[in-house]
Amino acid sequence: MPPARKRTRTYDPVKIRAAVLAQFGNVRQGVRTLTEEQLARPARLGDWSVRELAAHLTMAVETVSRNLDRPEPGAKELALLDWPFATAARAGDIADGTRELAHDNPDLDALYTRVEQRITERLATAPDDRLLAARTGAMTLADYLVTRTVELVVHTDDLNRAAGTDIPLDRQALAACTRLLADALAVKAPGASTEVRIPPYAVVQCVEGPRHTRGTPPNVVETDPLTWIRLATGRTEWKTVLDEAKVSASGERADLGGLLPLMG
C-alpha cells in the first residue's frame, strides 16, 4: 500500500489576522521604549543596526497593505509551503530597502503608527482569497498573512536578543510560525522515520527510512518553539543547541543538522 498522503495544515484566517495585528502592536510598544544607545547596537544580522531592524519589522506588514493597493494578479503562483524556500533570493533587495527605510524615517514611532493604521484599514475590507502580487510569487491574502507571522516572530526575537528587550510573542503568531516552519521541514525531507516534536504547537514526521506505525518512534527530535525557529532560520546551529541541551535527539535518523536552516 502507498503511504497515506499527509493533509495540508489549515489556519483560521480570523485568528491569523488578529495574530498579525497583535504581534505588530507588541513590537510597536517595545520599539517606543528603545533608547538611542539601544538603537545604535548591532542587530547581529549582517551590518544592520537595531534601528534598521526595527524599521525592517514594519516592512513585514506594510507589504500586505502595498500589495492590496496593487492590481490583483491573474493566478496564484505560490503555495504556502513553498514560501519558506522562496525567500533567500530576495535578501539583497531587502537589505537595501531596509537601510533606505531607516534613513528616511528617523521617527520610528511615526512610521509604526502609519503602518499600523494602513494595514488595519486594508484588512477590514479585504477577502481572504484576494491574490497578492508578492515578490516571491502571487499568493492568497490568507496564506500571505501566515507568512507574516514568521517575519514578525523571527524578527521580534532578533530584536529582543540584540536590544535586550522583552517584547512578548503573541501565542497565535508563535504557533503559526512554529507550524509553518515544521511543515516546511517535512516538505524538504519527506518521509516518516523521524518524529519532530515542538510542544505545544507542532508534531511532524519526516526523513526517509522505515515507516513508524505504533509505539514510541525510533527517531525523535524535541525542542521548544523559539529554539526550533532559530534553527529553521539560521539564527543558531544544530550542534550548538545539542551542546546546550536545548534539543533532545534520539535515533540514527534524528540528526537534522544537514537539513537546516530552512530559510536563509
C-alpha atoms as a PDB file:
ATOM      1  CA  MET A   1       0.000   0.000   0.000  1.00  0.00           C
ATOM      2  CA  PRO A   2       1.308   3.510  -0.767  1.00  0.00           C
ATOM      3  CA  PRO A   3       1.793   5.734   2.281  1.00  0.00           C
ATOM      4  CA  ALA A   4      -1.159   7.854   3.258  1.00  0.00           C
ATOM      5  CA  ARG A   5      -0.987  11.357   1.854  1.00  0.00           C
ATOM      6  CA  LYS A   6      -0.420  13.942   4.533  1.00  0.00           C
ATOM      7  CA  ARG A   7      -3.128  16.531   4.872  1.00  0.00           C
ATOM      8  CA  THR A   8      -2.086  20.114   4.350  1.00  0.00           C
ATOM      9  CA  ARG A   9      -2.427  22.093   7.554  1.00  0.00           C
ATOM     10  CA  THR A  10      -5.068  24.805   7.592  1.00  0.00           C
ATOM     11  CA  TYR A  11      -5.080  28.060   9.525  1.00  0.00           C
ATOM     12  CA  ASP A  12      -8.026  30.034  10.842  1.00  0.00           C
ATOM     13  CA  PRO A  13      -7.927  33.304   8.854  1.00  0.00           C
ATOM     14  CA  VAL A  14      -9.641  35.270  11.619  1.00  0.00           C
ATOM     15  CA  LYS A  15      -7.082  34.161  14.196  1.00  0.00           C
ATOM     16  CA  ILE A  16      -4.178  34.797  11.835  1.00  0.00           C
ATOM     17  CA  ARG A  17      -5.352  38.337  11.096  1.00  0.00           C
ATOM     18  CA  ALA A  18      -5.676  39.002  14.808  1.00  0.00           C
ATOM     19  CA  ALA A  19      -2.250  37.477  15.467  1.00  0.00           C
ATOM     20  CA  VAL A  20      -0.517  39.664  12.872  1.00  0.00           C
ATOM     21  CA  LEU A  21      -2.084  42.833  14.268  1.00  0.00           C
ATOM     22  CA  ALA A  22      -1.408  41.795  17.870  1.00  0.00           C
ATOM     23  CA  GLN A  23       2.257  40.988  17.275  1.00  0.00           C
ATOM     24  CA  PHE A  24       2.818  44.182  15.319  1.00  0.00           C
ATOM     25  CA  GLY A  25       1.232  46.056  18.219  1.00  0.00           C
ATOM     26  CA  ASN A  26       3.575  44.303  20.646  1.00  0.00           C
ATOM     27  CA  VAL A  27       6.573  45.362  18.588  1.00  0.00           C
ATOM     28  CA  ARG A  28       5.339  48.922  18.275  1.00  0.00           C
ATOM     29  CA  GLN A  29       5.071  49.222  22.050  1.00  0.00           C
ATOM     30  CA  GLY A  30       8.524  47.725  22.509  1.00  0.00           C
ATOM     31  CA  VAL A  31      10.207  49.955  19.929  1.00  0.00           C
ATOM     32  CA  ARG A  32       8.809  53.006  21.715  1.00  0.00           C
ATOM     33  CA  THR A  33      10.944  52.145  24.751  1.00  0.00           C
ATOM     34  CA  LEU A  34      14.253  51.817  22.887  1.00  0.00           C
ATOM     35  CA  THR A  35      16.944  54.310  23.773  1.00  0.00           C
ATOM     36  CA  GLU A  36      19.355  55.830  21.278  1.00  0.00           C
ATOM     37  CA  GLU A  37      22.054  53.598  22.739  1.00  0.00           C
ATOM     38  CA  GLN A  38      19.947  50.504  22.088  1.00  0.00           C
ATOM     39  CA  LEU A  39      19.038  51.647  18.578  1.00  0.00           C
ATOM     40  CA  ALA A  40      22.714  52.038  17.730  1.00  0.00           C
ATOM     41  CA  ARG A  41      23.640  48.490  18.779  1.00  0.00           C
ATOM     42  CA  PRO A  42      24.444  45.886  16.110  1.00  0.00           C
ATOM     43  CA  ALA A  43      21.449  43.716  15.290  1.00  0.00           C
ATOM     44  CA  ARG A  44      23.628  40.647  14.568  1.00  0.00           C
ATOM     45  CA  LEU A  45      22.040  40.430  11.114  1.00  0.00           C
ATOM     46  CA  GLY A  46      24.747  41.371   8.680  1.00  0.00           C
ATOM     47  CA  ASP A  47      25.677  45.010   9.271  1.00  0.00           C
ATOM     48  CA  TRP A  48      22.217  46.144  10.383  1.00  0.00           C
ATOM     49  CA  SER A  49      21.786  48.228  13.497  1.00  0.00           C
ATOM     50  CA  VAL A  50      18.873  47.743  15.886  1.00  0.00           C
ATOM     51  CA  ARG A  51      17.334  50.879  14.342  1.00  0.00           C
ATOM     52  CA  GLU A  52      17.440  49.260  10.912  1.00  0.00           C
ATOM     53  CA  LEU A  53      15.994  46.029  12.289  1.00  0.00           C
ATOM     54  CA  ALA A  54      13.158  47.991  13.933  1.00  0.00           C
ATOM     55  CA  ALA A  55      12.439  49.718  10.636  1.00  0.00           C
ATOM     56  CA  HIS A  56      12.552  46.393   8.801  1.00  0.00           C
ATOM     57  CA  LEU A  57       9.856  44.970  11.061  1.00  0.00           C
ATOM     58  CA  THR A  58       7.378  47.479   9.624  1.00  0.00           C
ATOM     59  CA  MET A  59       8.053  46.068   6.158  1.00  0.00           C
ATOM     60  CA  ALA A  60       6.621  42.729   7.249  1.00  0.00           C
ATOM     61  CA  VAL A  61       3.114  44.203   7.385  1.00  0.00           C
ATOM     62  CA  GLU A  62       3.440  47.199   5.063  1.00  0.00           C
ATOM     63  CA  THR A  63       3.988  44.767   2.214  1.00  0.00           C
ATOM     64  CA  VAL A  64       0.434  43.486   2.848  1.00  0.00           C
ATOM     65  CA  SER A  65      -1.043  46.976   2.510  1.00  0.00           C
ATOM     66  CA  ARG A  66       1.114  47.768  -0.511  1.00  0.00           C
ATOM     67  CA  ASN A  67       0.083  44.602  -2.323  1.00  0.00           C
ATOM     68  CA  LEU A  68      -3.580  45.178  -1.532  1.00  0.00           C
ATOM     69  CA  ASP A  69      -3.228  48.570  -3.230  1.00  0.00           C
ATOM     70  CA  ARG A  70      -1.833  46.959  -6.378  1.00  0.00           C
ATOM     71  CA  PRO A  71      -3.857  45.267  -9.132  1.00  0.00           C
ATOM     72  CA  GLU A  72      -4.754  41.679  -8.317  1.00  0.00           C
ATOM     73  CA  PRO A  73      -2.671  39.118 -10.246  1.00  0.00           C
ATOM     74  CA  GLY A  74      -4.445  36.710 -12.544  1.00  0.00           C
ATOM     75  CA  ALA A  75      -3.430  33.442 -10.913  1.00  0.00           C
ATOM     76  CA  LYS A  76      -1.931  32.009  -7.768  1.00  0.00           C
ATOM     77  CA  GLU A  77       1.755  31.173  -8.200  1.00  0.00           C
ATOM     78  CA  LEU A  78       2.984  30.145  -4.767  1.00  0.00           C
ATOM     79  CA  ALA A  79       1.573  27.732  -2.210  1.00  0.00           C
ATOM     80  CA  LEU A  80       2.065  28.490   1.457  1.00  0.00           C
ATOM     81  CA  LEU A  81       4.566  25.669   1.991  1.00  0.00           C
ATOM     82  CA  ASP A  82       6.668  26.887  -0.950  1.00  0.00           C
ATOM     83  CA  TRP A  83       7.181  30.305   0.643  1.00  0.00           C
ATOM     84  CA  PRO A  84       9.978  29.436   3.137  1.00  0.00           C
ATOM     85  CA  PHE A  85      12.145  28.225   0.259  1.00  0.00           C
ATOM     86  CA  ALA A  86      11.466  31.246  -1.966  1.00  0.00           C
ATOM     87  CA  THR A  87      12.729  33.963   0.370  1.00  0.00           C
ATOM     88  CA  ALA A  88      16.512  33.683   0.057  1.00  0.00           C
ATOM     89  CA  ALA A  89      16.642  35.184  -3.444  1.00  0.00           C
ATOM     90  CA  ARG A  90      15.281  38.484  -2.117  1.00  0.00           C
ATOM     91  CA  ALA A  91      17.883  39.025   0.627  1.00  0.00           C
ATOM     92  CA  GLY A  92      19.866  41.697  -1.234  1.00  0.00           C
ATOM     93  CA  ASP A  93      16.816  43.773  -2.144  1.00  0.00           C
ATOM     94  CA  ILE A  94      15.501  43.536   1.419  1.00  0.00           C
ATOM     95  CA  ALA A  95      18.779  44.749   2.912  1.00  0.00           C
ATOM     96  CA  ASP A  96      18.939  47.770   0.604  1.00  0.00           C
ATOM     97  CA  GLY A  97      15.292  48.651   1.209  1.00  0.00           C
ATOM     98  CA  THR A  98      15.731  48.367   4.968  1.00  0.00           C
ATOM     99  CA  ARG A  99      18.641  50.803   5.093  1.00  0.00           C
ATOM    100  CA  GLU A 100      16.739  53.315   2.984  1.00  0.00           C
ATOM    101  CA  LEU A 101      13.601  52.973   5.118  1.00  0.00           C
ATOM    102  CA  ALA A 102      15.509  53.527   8.364  1.00  0.00           C
ATOM    103  CA  HIS A 103      17.329  56.536   6.907  1.00  0.00           C
ATOM    104  CA  ASP A 104      14.127  58.146   5.641  1.00  0.00           C
ATOM    105  CA  ASN A 105      12.158  57.529   8.857  1.00  0.00           C
ATOM    106  CA  PRO A 106      14.165  58.654  11.908  1.00  0.00           C
ATOM    107  CA  ASP A 107      10.884  58.868  13.887  1.00  0.00           C
ATOM    108  CA  LEU A 108      10.182  55.166  14.296  1.00  0.00           C
ATOM    109  CA  ASP A 109       7.000  55.683  16.301  1.00  0.00           C
ATOM    110  CA  ALA A 110       5.506  57.773  13.487  1.00  0.00           C
ATOM    111  CA  LEU A 111       6.483  55.056  10.999  1.00  0.00           C
ATOM    112  CA  TYR A 112       4.850  52.334  13.103  1.00  0.00           C
ATOM    113  CA  THR A 113       1.708  54.441  13.527  1.00  0.00           C
ATOM    114  CA  ARG A 114       1.289  54.903   9.769  1.00  0.00           C
ATOM    115  CA  VAL A 115       1.935  51.257   9.003  1.00  0.00           C
ATOM    116  CA  GLU A 116      -0.454  50.030  11.705  1.00  0.00           C
ATOM    117  CA  GLN A 117      -3.219  52.342  10.520  1.00  0.00           C
ATOM    118  CA  ARG A 118      -2.819  51.277   6.896  1.00  0.00           C
ATOM    119  CA  ILE A 119      -2.907  47.548   7.496  1.00  0.00           C
ATOM    120  CA  THR A 120      -5.859  47.822   9.883  1.00  0.00           C
ATOM    121  CA  GLU A 121      -7.824  49.753   7.268  1.00  0.00           C
ATOM    122  CA  ARG A 122      -6.884  47.443   4.376  1.00  0.00           C
ATOM    123  CA  LEU A 123      -7.664  44.213   6.229  1.00  0.00           C
ATOM    124  CA  ALA A 124     -11.087  45.494   7.255  1.00  0.00           C
ATOM    125  CA  THR A 125     -12.412  45.023   3.710  1.00  0.00           C
ATOM    126  CA  ALA A 126     -10.029  42.576   2.003  1.00  0.00           C
ATOM    127  CA  PRO A 127     -11.309  38.990   1.429  1.00  0.00           C
ATOM    128  CA  ASP A 128      -9.136  36.025   2.384  1.00  0.00           C
ATOM    129  CA  ASP A 129      -8.960  34.715  -1.190  1.00  0.00           C
ATOM    130  CA  ARG A 130      -7.742  38.005  -2.631  1.00  0.00           C
ATOM    131  CA  LEU A 131      -4.492  37.381  -4.531  1.00  0.00           C
ATOM    132  CA  LEU A 132      -1.431  39.468  -3.704  1.00  0.00           C
ATOM    133  CA  ALA A 133       1.428  40.079  -6.137  1.00  0.00           C
ATOM    134  CA  ALA A 134       4.133  39.226  -3.592  1.00  0.00           C
ATOM    135  CA  ARG A 135       7.727  39.275  -4.826  1.00  0.00           C
ATOM    136  CA  THR A 136       8.105  35.596  -4.002  1.00  0.00           C
ATOM    137  CA  GLY A 137       5.053  34.806  -6.159  1.00  0.00           C
ATOM    138  CA  ALA A 138       1.332  35.521  -6.152  1.00  0.00           C
ATOM    139  CA  MET A 139      -0.369  34.186  -3.016  1.00  0.00           C
ATOM    140  CA  THR A 140      -3.768  34.463  -1.392  1.00  0.00           C
ATOM    141  CA  LEU A 141      -4.084  37.034   1.353  1.00  0.00           C
ATOM    142  CA  ALA A 142      -4.896  34.277   3.859  1.00  0.00           C
ATOM    143  CA  ASP A 143      -1.666  32.418   3.048  1.00  0.00           C
ATOM    144  CA  TYR A 144       0.429  35.561   2.920  1.00  0.00           C
ATOM    145  CA  LEU A 145      -0.708  36.610   6.380  1.00  0.00           C
ATOM    146  CA  VAL A 146       0.539  33.280   7.756  1.00  0.00           C
ATOM    147  CA  THR A 147       3.968  34.150   6.345  1.00  0.00           C
ATOM    148  CA  ARG A 148       3.761  37.482   8.163  1.00  0.00           C
ATOM    149  CA  THR A 149       3.630  35.648  11.485  1.00  0.00           C
ATOM    150  CA  VAL A 150       7.003  34.123  10.605  1.00  0.00           C
ATOM    151  CA  GLU A 151       8.517  37.500   9.742  1.00  0.00           C
ATOM    152  CA  LEU A 152       7.143  39.149  12.872  1.00  0.00           C
ATOM    153  CA  VAL A 153       8.035  36.388  15.322  1.00  0.00           C
ATOM    154  CA  VAL A 154      11.522  35.807  13.927  1.00  0.00           C
ATOM    155  CA  HIS A 155      12.425  39.491  13.922  1.00  0.00           C
ATOM    156  CA  THR A 156      10.827  40.164  17.305  1.00  0.00           C
ATOM    157  CA  ASP A 157      13.147  37.509  18.685  1.00  0.00           C
ATOM    158  CA  ASP A 158      16.070  39.125  16.825  1.00  0.00           C
ATOM    159  CA  LEU A 159      15.148  42.474  18.350  1.00  0.00           C
ATOM    160  CA  ASN A 160      14.846  41.090  21.869  1.00  0.00           C
ATOM    161  CA  ARG A 161      18.267  39.456  21.680  1.00  0.00           C
ATOM    162  CA  ALA A 162      20.028  42.426  20.092  1.00  0.00           C
ATOM    163  CA  ALA A 163      18.488  45.221  22.161  1.00  0.00           C
ATOM    164  CA  GLY A 164      17.970  43.360  25.431  1.00  0.00           C
ATOM    165  CA  THR A 165      14.211  43.906  25.312  1.00  0.00           C
ATOM    166  CA  ASP A 166      11.437  41.519  26.299  1.00  0.00           C
ATOM    167  CA  ILE A 167       8.771  42.160  23.664  1.00  0.00           C
ATOM    168  CA  PRO A 168       6.111  39.464  24.109  1.00  0.00           C
ATOM    169  CA  LEU A 169       5.224  36.981  21.380  1.00  0.00           C
ATOM    170  CA  ASP A 170       1.536  36.616  20.613  1.00  0.00           C
ATOM    171  CA  ARG A 171       0.580  32.962  21.186  1.00  0.00           C
ATOM    172  CA  GLN A 172      -1.276  32.573  17.891  1.00  0.00           C
ATOM    173  CA  ALA A 173       1.564  34.179  15.942  1.00  0.00           C
ATOM    174  CA  LEU A 174       4.145  31.949  17.624  1.00  0.00           C
ATOM    175  CA  ALA A 175       2.023  28.862  16.959  1.00  0.00           C
ATOM    176  CA  ALA A 176       1.564  29.668  13.255  1.00  0.00           C
ATOM    177  CA  CYS A 177       5.251  30.455  12.792  1.00  0.00           C
ATOM    178  CA  THR A 178       6.305  27.219  14.503  1.00  0.00           C
ATOM    179  CA  ARG A 179       3.868  25.105  12.492  1.00  0.00           C
ATOM    180  CA  LEU A 180       4.725  26.567   9.102  1.00  0.00           C
ATOM    181  CA  LEU A 181       8.450  26.024   9.627  1.00  0.00           C
ATOM    182  CA  ALA A 182       7.857  22.495  10.950  1.00  0.00           C
ATOM    183  CA  ASP A 183       5.755  21.643   7.907  1.00  0.00           C
ATOM    184  CA  ALA A 184       8.473  23.106   5.677  1.00  0.00           C
ATOM    185  CA  LEU A 185      10.923  20.601   7.173  1.00  0.00           C
ATOM    186  CA  ALA A 186       8.538  17.768   6.264  1.00  0.00           C
ATOM    187  CA  VAL A 187       8.431  19.106   2.697  1.00  0.00           C
ATOM    188  CA  LYS A 188      12.219  19.366   2.466  1.00  0.00           C
ATOM    189  CA  ALA A 189      12.787  15.893   3.925  1.00  0.00           C
ATOM    190  CA  PRO A 190       9.695  13.813   3.124  1.00  0.00           C
ATOM    191  CA  GLY A 191       9.314  10.553   4.978  1.00  0.00           C
ATOM    192  CA  ALA A 192       8.066   9.109   8.227  1.00  0.00           C
ATOM    193  CA  SER A 193      11.084   7.683  10.018  1.00  0.00           C
ATOM    194  CA  THR A 194      11.668  10.652  12.316  1.00  0.00           C
ATOM    195  CA  GLU A 195       9.213  12.470  14.515  1.00  0.00           C
ATOM    196  CA  VAL A 196       9.950  16.120  15.297  1.00  0.00           C
ATOM    197  CA  ARG A 197       8.090  17.444  18.324  1.00  0.00           C
ATOM    198  CA  ILE A 198       7.809  21.146  19.125  1.00  0.00           C
ATOM    199  CA  PRO A 199       5.350  21.303  22.013  1.00  0.00           C
ATOM    200  CA  PRO A 200       2.805  22.649  22.412  1.00  0.00           C
ATOM    201  CA  TYR A 201       2.382  23.640  18.761  1.00  0.00           C
ATOM    202  CA  ALA A 202       3.610  21.060  16.269  1.00  0.00           C
ATOM    203  CA  VAL A 203       4.499  17.435  15.602  1.00  0.00           C
ATOM    204  CA  VAL A 204       5.664  16.369  12.141  1.00  0.00           C
ATOM    205  CA  GLN A 205       7.103  13.225  10.619  1.00  0.00           C
ATOM    206  CA  CYS A 206       9.920  13.479   8.122  1.00  0.00           C
ATOM    207  CA  VAL A 207      13.107  11.871   6.727  1.00  0.00           C
ATOM    208  CA  GLU A 208      13.169   8.804   4.503  1.00  0.00           C
ATOM    209  CA  GLY A 209      13.504   5.429   6.176  1.00  0.00           C
ATOM    210  CA  PRO A 210      11.436   2.718   7.838  1.00  0.00           C
ATOM    211  CA  ARG A 211       7.939   3.987   8.498  1.00  0.00           C
ATOM    212  CA  HIS A 212       6.883   4.162  12.125  1.00  0.00           C
ATOM    213  CA  THR A 213       3.361   2.836  12.808  1.00  0.00           C
ATOM    214  CA  ARG A 214       2.881   2.295  16.547  1.00  0.00           C
ATOM    215  CA  GLY A 215       4.539   2.794  19.902  1.00  0.00           C
ATOM    216  CA  THR A 216       7.433   5.146  20.532  1.00  0.00           C
ATOM    217  CA  PRO A 217       9.098   6.256  17.266  1.00  0.00           C
ATOM    218  CA  PRO A 218      12.716   5.047  16.890  1.00  0.00           C
ATOM    219  CA  ASN A 219      13.899   8.526  15.889  1.00  0.00           C
ATOM    220  CA  VAL A 220      12.654  11.504  17.883  1.00  0.00           C
ATOM    221  CA  VAL A 221      13.685  15.154  17.981  1.00  0.00           C
ATOM    222  CA  GLU A 222      12.147  17.508  20.531  1.00  0.00           C
ATOM    223  CA  THR A 223      12.728  21.170  21.262  1.00  0.00           C
ATOM    224  CA  ASP A 224      10.921  24.352  22.262  1.00  0.00           C
ATOM    225  CA  PRO A 225       9.342  26.742  19.730  1.00  0.00           C
ATOM    226  CA  LEU A 226      11.965  29.521  19.887  1.00  0.00           C
ATOM    227  CA  THR A 227      14.884  27.116  19.563  1.00  0.00           C
ATOM    228  CA  TRP A 228      13.172  25.492  16.592  1.00  0.00           C
ATOM    229  CA  ILE A 229      12.516  28.840  14.932  1.00  0.00           C
ATOM    230  CA  ARG A 230      16.154  29.891  15.433  1.00  0.00           C
ATOM    231  CA  LEU A 231      17.334  26.612  13.912  1.00  0.00           C
ATOM    232  CA  ALA A 232      14.968  26.825  10.962  1.00  0.00           C
ATOM    233  CA  THR A 233      16.015  30.389  10.143  1.00  0.00           C
ATOM    234  CA  GLY A 234      19.747  30.013  10.676  1.00  0.00           C
ATOM    235  CA  ARG A 235      19.958  32.009  13.916  1.00  0.00           C
ATOM    236  CA  THR A 236      21.673  29.110  15.655  1.00  0.00           C
ATOM    237  CA  GLU A 237      23.281  25.815  14.667  1.00  0.00           C
ATOM    238  CA  TRP A 238      22.271  22.235  15.325  1.00  0.00           C
ATOM    239  CA  LYS A 239      25.482  21.325  17.149  1.00  0.00           C
ATOM    240  CA  THR A 240      25.216  24.409  19.354  1.00  0.00           C
ATOM    241  CA  VAL A 241      21.708  23.628  20.603  1.00  0.00           C
ATOM    242  CA  LEU A 242      22.625  19.983  21.145  1.00  0.00           C
ATOM    243  CA  ASP A 243      25.614  21.019  23.249  1.00  0.00           C
ATOM    244  CA  GLU A 244      23.393  23.428  25.197  1.00  0.00           C
ATOM    245  CA  ALA A 245      20.786  20.665  25.736  1.00  0.00           C
ATOM    246  CA  LYS A 246      18.103  22.777  24.079  1.00  0.00           C
ATOM    247  CA  VAL A 247      17.293  19.890  21.743  1.00  0.00           C
ATOM    248  CA  SER A 248      16.908  16.210  22.514  1.00  0.00           C
ATOM    249  CA  ALA A 249      17.599  13.869  19.597  1.00  0.00           C
ATOM    250  CA  SER A 250      17.484  10.082  19.765  1.00  0.00           C
ATOM    251  CA  GLY A 251      17.898   7.558  16.957  1.00  0.00           C
ATOM    252  CA  GLU A 252      20.212   7.230  13.949  1.00  0.00           C
ATOM    253  CA  ARG A 253      17.960   9.393  11.789  1.00  0.00           C
ATOM    254  CA  ALA A 254      17.478  12.145  14.380  1.00  0.00           C
ATOM    255  CA  ASP A 255      20.353  14.341  13.197  1.00  0.00           C
ATOM    256  CA  LEU A 256      18.712  17.295  11.424  1.00  0.00           C
ATOM    257  CA  GLY A 257      21.929  19.288  11.070  1.00  0.00           C
ATOM    258  CA  GLY A 258      22.204  18.661   7.344  1.00  0.00           C
ATOM    259  CA  LEU A 259      18.638  19.815   6.698  1.00  0.00           C
ATOM    260  CA  LEU A 260      18.862  23.157   8.492  1.00  0.00           C
ATOM    261  CA  PRO A 261      18.383  26.033   8.108  1.00  0.00           C
ATOM    262  CA  LEU A 262      15.210  26.015   6.024  1.00  0.00           C
ATOM    263  CA  MET A 263      15.299  29.763   5.387  1.00  0.00           C
ATOM    264  CA  GLY A 264      18.401  31.787   4.647  1.00  0.00           C
END
